[in-house]
Amino acid sequence: MTEKSPSSPATGEVTTATRMVYYVSDRTSRTAELNGESLLSQFPGFHYETRRFAFMDENRIGKLVRVIKRHVGKGEEPPIIFSTLVRPELRRLLRESGAPIIDLYESFLPTLEKILHRSTSSRVGVSHEDFELREASNYQRRSQALDFSLAHDDGLRPDHYDRADVIVVGVSRSAKTPVCLYLAMNFSVRAANFPLTGEDLDREQLPPFLQERRDRVVGLHIDPQRLHAIRQKRRPDSPYASLATCRREVRRADEIFKISGVPVYDISTTSVEEIAVEIVRKMDLLH
């Protein structure tokens, strides 16, 4: 009936007390957990331990209520309960525990009923079945996007770039791969990446096959000093890692981006996550 897992959000103000948090549902309790964890993450420093109570019926709710009352009777603090119980009689029974309850259905369903001018079905599991179907579809899209990004990493298979949603271009070690993987994992974006090296930098223009797809190309700028430090770890004291090489390559890459008119993002001052979000927003890539 229960699943126990210790949890603690990101550290902030230090507290010593640990509060119990219960996720209660007449289905898997996954929806209650997802919403509860999201809400609790907004309270840094609040330490808590969670338990999941899934597939609850009258008998199980009654036992849970008695347990809560017994612990409260001993002077313990009641658990915070996140509930996605569909049946009204189960919600009423749970309230007898006296514990604070965040009823995720009761909070939003009345408002939706007014907006949609119809009543809820009160059928157990309908919302979760729909949720699981959407999650399966989302998982498939993410997996396909991730497979695409891995198969088209670092200039691989450029003949397939016409299938890419976005093509990330930059000098070697400018975080092209992390940006592409973040786009794939979080936004189901098919992202390829292409390194600007020797001949491309000497030509001072994008390769012809990228010029044809310029509307999907974004450039990454990186501070030469930072690039030098990154390359030093990979190939210490090599011509590839020298500061002079880094400065020359970054300068020529920036000139290529300017001539081509592609959007440029500075990986030196902006996180991979922020750059990915901005790419998705500006290129309208949300699926």
Protein backbone atom coordinates (compact mmCIF):
# COMPACT_ATOMS: atom_id res chain seq x y z
CA MET A 1 0.00 0.00 0.00
CA THR A 2 2.84 2.37 0.64
CA GLU A 3 6.08 3.32 -0.96
CA LYS A 4 8.59 5.22 1.11
CA SER A 5 11.33 7.46 -0.23
CA PRO A 6 13.36 10.12 1.55
CA SER A 7 13.29 13.49 -0.19
CA SER A 8 14.75 16.92 0.27
CA PRO A 9 14.54 19.88 -2.07
CA ALA A 10 17.50 22.04 -2.99
CA THR A 11 19.23 23.41 0.04
CA GLY A 12 18.37 26.87 1.24
CA GLU A 13 17.58 27.88 4.77
CA VAL A 14 18.69 25.03 6.99
CA THR A 15 16.01 23.30 9.04
CA THR A 16 16.29 20.22 11.22
CA ALA A 17 12.67 19.02 11.35
CA THR A 18 11.53 16.48 8.76
CA ARG A 19 7.84 16.50 7.83
CA MET A 20 5.95 13.54 6.45
CA VAL A 21 4.28 14.02 3.07
CA TYR A 22 1.70 11.52 1.84
CA TYR A 23 0.60 11.06 -1.79
CA VAL A 24 -2.83 9.45 -1.73
CA SER A 25 -4.81 8.21 -4.72
CA ASP A 26 -7.32 5.61 -5.80
CA ARG A 27 -5.01 4.97 -8.77
CA THR A 28 -1.20 4.85 -8.91
CA SER A 29 -0.65 8.16 -7.02
CA ARG A 30 1.80 9.23 -9.72
CA THR A 31 -0.16 12.40 -10.53
CA ALA A 32 -0.30 13.39 -6.86
CA GLU A 33 3.43 12.80 -6.55
CA LEU A 34 4.36 14.79 -9.65
CA ASN A 35 2.31 17.78 -8.56
CA GLY A 36 3.34 17.54 -4.92
CA GLU A 37 7.05 17.37 -5.72
CA SER A 38 6.71 20.33 -8.07
CA LEU A 39 4.97 22.43 -5.43
CA LEU A 40 7.30 21.45 -2.59
CA SER A 41 10.35 22.31 -4.70
CA GLN A 42 9.35 25.94 -4.26
CA PHE A 43 10.25 25.76 -0.56
CA PRO A 44 14.05 25.42 -0.29
CA GLY A 45 15.22 24.17 3.08
CA PHE A 46 12.00 22.27 3.81
CA HIS A 47 13.01 18.69 4.56
CA TYR A 48 10.44 15.98 4.14
CA GLU A 49 9.95 12.26 3.74
CA THR A 50 7.34 10.88 1.39
CA ARG A 51 5.03 7.89 1.29
CA ARG A 52 2.81 6.87 -1.59
CA PHE A 53 -0.60 5.34 -0.89
CA ALA A 54 -1.93 3.92 -4.14
CA PHE A 55 -5.17 2.17 -5.18
CA MET A 56 -6.95 3.28 -2.03
CA ASP A 57 -10.50 2.19 -1.19
CA GLU A 58 -12.78 2.76 1.84
CA ASN A 59 -11.04 0.11 3.91
CA ARG A 60 -7.53 1.37 3.21
CA ILE A 61 -8.48 5.00 3.71
CA GLY A 62 -10.07 4.08 7.04
CA LYS A 63 -6.86 2.36 8.18
CA LEU A 64 -4.77 5.35 7.07
CA VAL A 65 -7.02 7.76 8.96
CA ARG A 66 -6.70 5.71 12.14
CA VAL A 67 -2.91 5.60 11.82
CA ILE A 68 -2.71 9.37 11.34
CA LYS A 69 -4.94 10.02 14.34
CA ARG A 70 -2.86 7.66 16.46
CA HIS A 71 0.38 9.46 15.60
CA VAL A 72 -1.17 12.89 16.14
CA GLY A 73 -2.46 11.65 19.50
CA LYS A 74 1.16 10.99 20.47
CA GLY A 75 2.01 14.61 19.78
CA GLU A 76 3.47 14.08 16.32
CA GLU A 77 2.87 16.59 13.54
CA PRO A 78 0.28 15.37 11.00
CA PRO A 79 1.48 14.59 7.49
CA ILE A 80 0.84 16.93 4.58
CA ILE A 81 -1.39 15.04 2.16
CA PHE A 82 -1.53 15.53 -1.60
CA SER A 83 -4.65 13.77 -2.83
CA THR A 84 -5.98 12.78 -6.24
CA LEU A 85 -8.89 10.73 -4.92
CA VAL A 86 -11.67 10.85 -7.48
CA ARG A 87 -14.61 9.55 -5.44
CA PRO A 88 -16.15 12.19 -3.15
CA GLU A 89 -16.85 9.65 -0.38
CA LEU A 90 -13.15 8.79 -0.21
CA ARG A 91 -12.20 12.46 -0.01
CA ARG A 92 -14.69 12.98 2.83
CA LEU A 93 -13.32 9.97 4.69
CA LEU A 94 -9.74 11.18 4.32
CA ARG A 95 -10.65 14.58 5.77
CA GLU A 96 -11.58 12.84 9.03
CA SER A 97 -7.85 12.40 9.67
CA GLY A 98 -7.59 16.10 10.50
CA ALA A 99 -4.37 16.33 8.49
CA PRO A 100 -3.84 19.23 6.06
CA ILE A 101 -4.90 18.08 2.59
CA ILE A 102 -4.08 19.57 -0.79
CA ASP A 103 -6.84 18.04 -2.87
CA LEU A 104 -5.62 18.45 -6.43
CA TYR A 105 -8.91 17.42 -8.01
CA GLU A 106 -11.20 19.33 -5.68
CA SER A 107 -9.07 22.46 -6.15
CA PHE A 108 -9.40 22.58 -9.92
CA LEU A 109 -12.36 20.48 -11.08
CA PRO A 110 -15.11 22.91 -9.95
CA THR A 111 -13.42 25.70 -11.90
CA LEU A 112 -13.10 23.50 -14.98
CA GLU A 113 -16.75 22.45 -14.68
CA LYS A 114 -17.75 26.12 -14.84
CA ILE A 115 -15.46 26.83 -17.78
CA LEU A 116 -16.54 23.77 -19.76
CA HIS A 117 -20.21 23.90 -18.69
CA ARG A 118 -20.25 20.19 -17.88
CA SER A 119 -19.81 17.89 -14.90
CA THR A 120 -16.93 15.54 -14.26
CA SER A 121 -17.30 11.83 -14.88
CA SER A 122 -15.91 10.91 -11.40
CA ARG A 123 -14.56 7.76 -13.00
CA VAL A 124 -11.52 6.39 -11.25
CA GLY A 125 -8.42 6.21 -13.43
CA VAL A 126 -9.67 8.09 -16.49
CA SER A 127 -7.32 11.03 -16.01
CA HIS A 128 -4.38 8.80 -15.21
CA GLU A 129 -5.00 6.61 -18.26
CA ASP A 130 -4.98 9.74 -20.42
CA PHE A 131 -1.88 10.95 -18.61
CA GLU A 132 -0.08 7.66 -19.24
CA LEU A 133 -0.99 7.75 -22.94
CA ARG A 134 0.36 11.29 -23.23
CA GLU A 135 3.50 10.32 -21.32
CA ALA A 136 4.06 7.34 -23.61
CA SER A 137 3.70 9.56 -26.65
CA ASN A 138 6.03 12.18 -25.15
CA TYR A 139 8.57 9.49 -24.26
CA GLN A 140 8.55 8.18 -27.81
CA ARG A 141 9.12 11.67 -29.23
CA ARG A 142 11.96 12.32 -26.78
CA SER A 143 13.57 8.99 -27.59
CA GLN A 144 13.37 9.63 -31.32
CA ALA A 145 14.81 13.13 -30.90
CA LEU A 146 17.63 11.82 -28.71
CA ASP A 147 18.46 9.06 -31.21
CA PHE A 148 18.56 11.67 -33.98
CA SER A 149 20.84 14.02 -32.03
CA LEU A 150 23.27 11.21 -31.16
CA ALA A 151 23.32 9.96 -34.76
CA HIS A 152 24.02 13.48 -36.07
CA ASP A 153 26.54 14.62 -33.47
CA ASP A 154 29.71 16.49 -34.41
CA GLY A 155 29.03 16.62 -38.14
CA LEU A 156 27.93 13.01 -38.60
CA ARG A 157 25.59 12.21 -41.52
CA PRO A 158 25.15 15.76 -42.86
CA ASP A 159 23.11 14.31 -45.74
CA HIS A 160 20.28 13.84 -43.19
CA TYR A 161 20.35 17.41 -41.87
CA ASP A 162 17.22 18.24 -43.82
CA ARG A 163 15.36 16.25 -41.12
CA ALA A 164 16.78 18.39 -38.30
CA ASP A 165 14.65 20.94 -36.47
CA VAL A 166 17.77 22.91 -35.62
CA ILE A 167 21.48 22.70 -36.49
CA VAL A 168 23.88 23.97 -33.82
CA VAL A 169 27.19 25.25 -35.21
CA GLY A 170 30.37 26.32 -33.44
CA VAL A 171 34.07 25.66 -33.01
CA SER A 172 35.27 22.47 -31.39
CA ARG A 173 34.46 22.21 -27.63
CA SER A 174 31.89 25.02 -27.62
CA ALA A 175 29.14 22.92 -25.96
CA LYS A 176 27.29 22.03 -29.15
CA THR A 177 26.54 18.48 -28.02
CA PRO A 178 25.15 19.42 -24.56
CA VAL A 179 22.84 21.99 -26.15
CA CYS A 180 21.57 19.43 -28.67
CA LEU A 181 21.01 16.74 -26.06
CA TYR A 182 19.16 19.17 -23.79
CA LEU A 183 16.92 20.18 -26.71
CA ALA A 184 16.20 16.52 -27.45
CA MET A 185 15.61 15.39 -23.87
CA ASN A 186 13.50 18.32 -22.72
CA PHE A 187 11.73 19.54 -25.87
CA SER A 188 11.79 16.53 -28.24
CA VAL A 189 13.72 18.66 -30.73
CA ARG A 190 15.73 16.88 -33.44
CA ALA A 191 19.01 18.76 -33.08
CA ALA A 192 22.13 18.13 -35.14
CA ASN A 193 25.45 19.85 -34.59
CA PHE A 194 28.34 20.71 -36.87
CA PRO A 195 31.88 21.78 -35.88
CA LEU A 196 33.58 24.62 -37.71
CA THR A 197 37.15 23.48 -38.31
CA GLY A 198 40.13 24.16 -40.60
CA GLU A 199 38.74 24.51 -44.12
CA ASP A 200 35.40 25.98 -43.05
CA LEU A 201 37.11 28.58 -40.88
CA ASP A 202 39.58 29.45 -43.64
CA ARG A 203 36.72 29.92 -46.12
CA GLU A 204 34.98 32.21 -43.60
CA GLN A 205 31.55 31.01 -44.60
CA LEU A 206 29.19 28.20 -43.77
CA PRO A 207 29.57 25.01 -45.81
CA PRO A 208 27.17 25.02 -48.79
CA PHE A 209 24.85 22.37 -47.32
CA LEU A 210 24.40 24.53 -44.19
CA GLN A 211 23.82 27.67 -46.21
CA GLU A 212 20.90 25.89 -47.85
CA ARG A 213 19.44 25.26 -44.40
CA ARG A 214 20.41 28.58 -42.86
CA ASP A 215 16.93 29.15 -41.41
CA ARG A 216 17.61 26.21 -39.06
CA VAL A 217 21.20 27.09 -38.12
CA VAL A 218 22.19 28.70 -34.81
CA GLY A 219 25.72 29.63 -33.80
CA LEU A 220 27.47 29.26 -30.46
CA HIS A 221 30.04 31.84 -29.34
CA ILE A 222 32.52 31.03 -26.59
CA ASP A 223 35.09 33.23 -24.87
CA PRO A 224 38.57 32.27 -26.16
CA GLN A 225 40.00 32.12 -22.63
CA ARG A 226 37.32 29.67 -21.56
CA LEU A 227 37.79 27.64 -24.74
CA HIS A 228 41.53 27.52 -24.05
CA ALA A 229 40.90 26.16 -20.53
CA ILE A 230 38.51 23.49 -21.85
CA ARG A 231 40.86 22.35 -24.60
CA GLN A 232 43.82 22.30 -22.25
CA LYS A 233 42.10 19.56 -20.26
CA ARG A 234 41.55 17.55 -23.42
CA ARG A 235 44.92 18.08 -25.14
CA PRO A 236 47.32 19.89 -22.77
CA ASP A 237 49.84 22.29 -24.35
CA SER A 238 48.90 21.29 -27.90
CA PRO A 239 48.50 23.72 -30.84
CA TYR A 240 44.79 22.82 -30.75
CA ALA A 241 44.53 24.11 -27.17
CA SER A 242 46.74 27.18 -27.50
CA LEU A 243 45.19 30.53 -26.67
CA ALA A 244 46.24 31.91 -30.06
CA THR A 245 44.40 29.09 -31.86
CA CYS A 246 41.31 29.58 -29.71
CA ARG A 247 41.25 33.31 -30.38
CA ARG A 248 41.67 32.82 -34.13
CA GLU A 249 38.97 30.15 -34.41
CA VAL A 250 36.44 32.06 -32.30
CA ARG A 251 37.05 35.26 -34.27
CA ARG A 252 36.56 33.51 -37.62
CA ALA A 253 33.50 31.63 -36.41
CA ASP A 254 31.94 34.90 -35.24
CA GLU A 255 32.62 36.42 -38.68
CA ILE A 256 30.95 33.45 -40.36
CA PHE A 257 27.86 33.83 -38.15
CA LYS A 258 27.70 37.55 -38.91
CA ILE A 259 28.05 37.09 -42.67
CA SER A 260 25.48 34.30 -42.68
CA GLY A 261 23.01 36.22 -40.52
CA VAL A 262 22.33 33.32 -38.16
CA PRO A 263 21.35 33.86 -34.50
CA VAL A 264 24.24 33.54 -32.06
CA TYR A 265 24.18 32.47 -28.40
CA ASP A 266 27.04 33.07 -25.98
CA ILE A 267 27.80 29.85 -24.13
CA SER A 268 30.33 31.76 -21.98
CA THR A 269 27.71 33.81 -20.20
CA THR A 270 24.54 31.76 -20.64
CA SER A 271 23.81 28.24 -19.42
CA VAL A 272 23.05 25.35 -21.75
CA GLU A 273 19.52 25.24 -20.34
CA GLU A 274 18.87 28.93 -21.00
CA ILE A 275 20.26 28.73 -24.52
CA ALA A 276 18.09 25.70 -25.32
CA VAL A 277 14.96 27.45 -24.02
CA GLU A 278 15.75 30.56 -26.05
CA ILE A 279 16.32 28.51 -29.21
CA VAL A 280 12.99 26.74 -28.75
CA ARG A 281 11.20 30.02 -28.14
CA LYS A 282 12.71 32.00 -31.01
CA MET A 283 12.45 29.16 -33.54
CA ASP A 284 8.97 28.15 -32.39
CA LEU A 285 9.99 24.52 -31.83
CA LEU A 286 7.50 23.53 -29.13
CA HIS A 287 5.63 20.39 -30.21
